[in-house]
Amino acid sequence: MAYINLNVDALRKYCEDIFCKRGYSAEDSKAITDVLLTADLYGIESHGVQRLIRYHLAIEEGSIVPDVKPEIIHETPVSAVIDAPRSMGQVVAKKAMEMAIEKAKKTGFGVVCVKGSNHYGIAGYYTKMAADADMIGISMTNTEAIAIPTYGKKAMLGTSPIAVAMPADPVDFWFDAATTVITRGKLEVYRKKELPLPQGWVADENGADCDDANRVLKNIIGKLGGGIFPLGGFSEETGSHKGYGLGIIVELFTAIATGGTTSPHVKNSGNADTSFCLMAIDYGIFGDKKEMKARMSKLLQELRESPKADGHDRIFTHGEKEVESKAQKLIDGVPVNEKTLQELRDIGASQGLNFDDYFTL
């Protein structure tokens, strides 16, 4: 499938204008767009502008609305729970992390959980906010049921990502990963490319390995059985129980903590009832921050400099690839596949925007 590179500034303006046309403020439109473009710049195509169609359809059906007024339903000096029914996930999650950071500035620790919202993009966007404030950031979310439990054949848990970030030199530690083998977004990308899935990624409705992304996505949407394997794959021998357990832990800190909807009961596509957890930790509560950051930086450097396996000349620490990807894409542009490109054209046209007014292809 062909890819076309789009200028980052033009793509940013185009997406912001789409969300403004949808009724979002300029500030909120910038926030939503920044989360999407950060994913693309970091090389995470599955969560970039290819997801715009998901939000477009959710707004059309009314499971995302622009004028939500989130309500704090529980609060302490270190914590808060926000009810934000049918909100755009990126908007409320960004505000929740801002609140967590402010609490951490005062008490050393802040955790803000959200219920009733929607997909919030890459979990690591919000941990970067904390790292930029010289704090440790933690972020996690549940989703609609898309993962089968170890030895099961019905999707019961979400992709349930966990992200953690901490300042370090020369590159911050930035970890962001699903607790499943892959994400739903990766399935969507493979379906667009019409490529077979690698073995060990997903199961069909009978719990057997499957290489058909379209079949698996239809089964997930229709609740017909099957789904993505937990991190570790199919069996305990390969560590499937570990990803399965991590998925339950994410439920604990999101839906269970907030009184929100657990993954087996989240609606199709995860619209209108997803829960998040955002944490900020001022690591100065453990001692001298400069010394701690230096220790982290040293560990990461030791990992990078450790002996390489035959045939490999580099060991990456989490966050390096993303920083390098961003630097290159700011020069070359964001690669967008032809099907996503058509979706961008159609979504803009539906809001009275002409794609060709923004881009020269």
Foldseek 3Di string as FASTA:
>chain_A
DDWDFFALVLQLVLQLVLVVLLPADSVLSNQLQVLQVLCLLLVNPLQHLLCVVVVLVCVVVPLAHRPWDWDFPDDDLAETEIETFNYAQRRVLLVQLVVQLVSCVVVQKHKYKYWQAFDRTFQQVSQVVQQVVQWKKKKWKWFAFFEAAAVGWFRFTGLIKIWIWHDAPPFTFTDIGGQFPDHLSVLVVCVVVVHFQDWQFWAAQVRHTGRRSVRSLVCSQVRSIIHTQGPQGHHVVSPSNVSNVSRVVSCCQWCVVNVFDGNNPQHGNRGRTMMMMMMIGNCCVVPDSVVVNHVVNVVQVCQFPDDDDPPDDTDHGHGVSSVVSNVVCNPVGRIDDPVSVVVSQVSCVVSVHHSVVSGDD
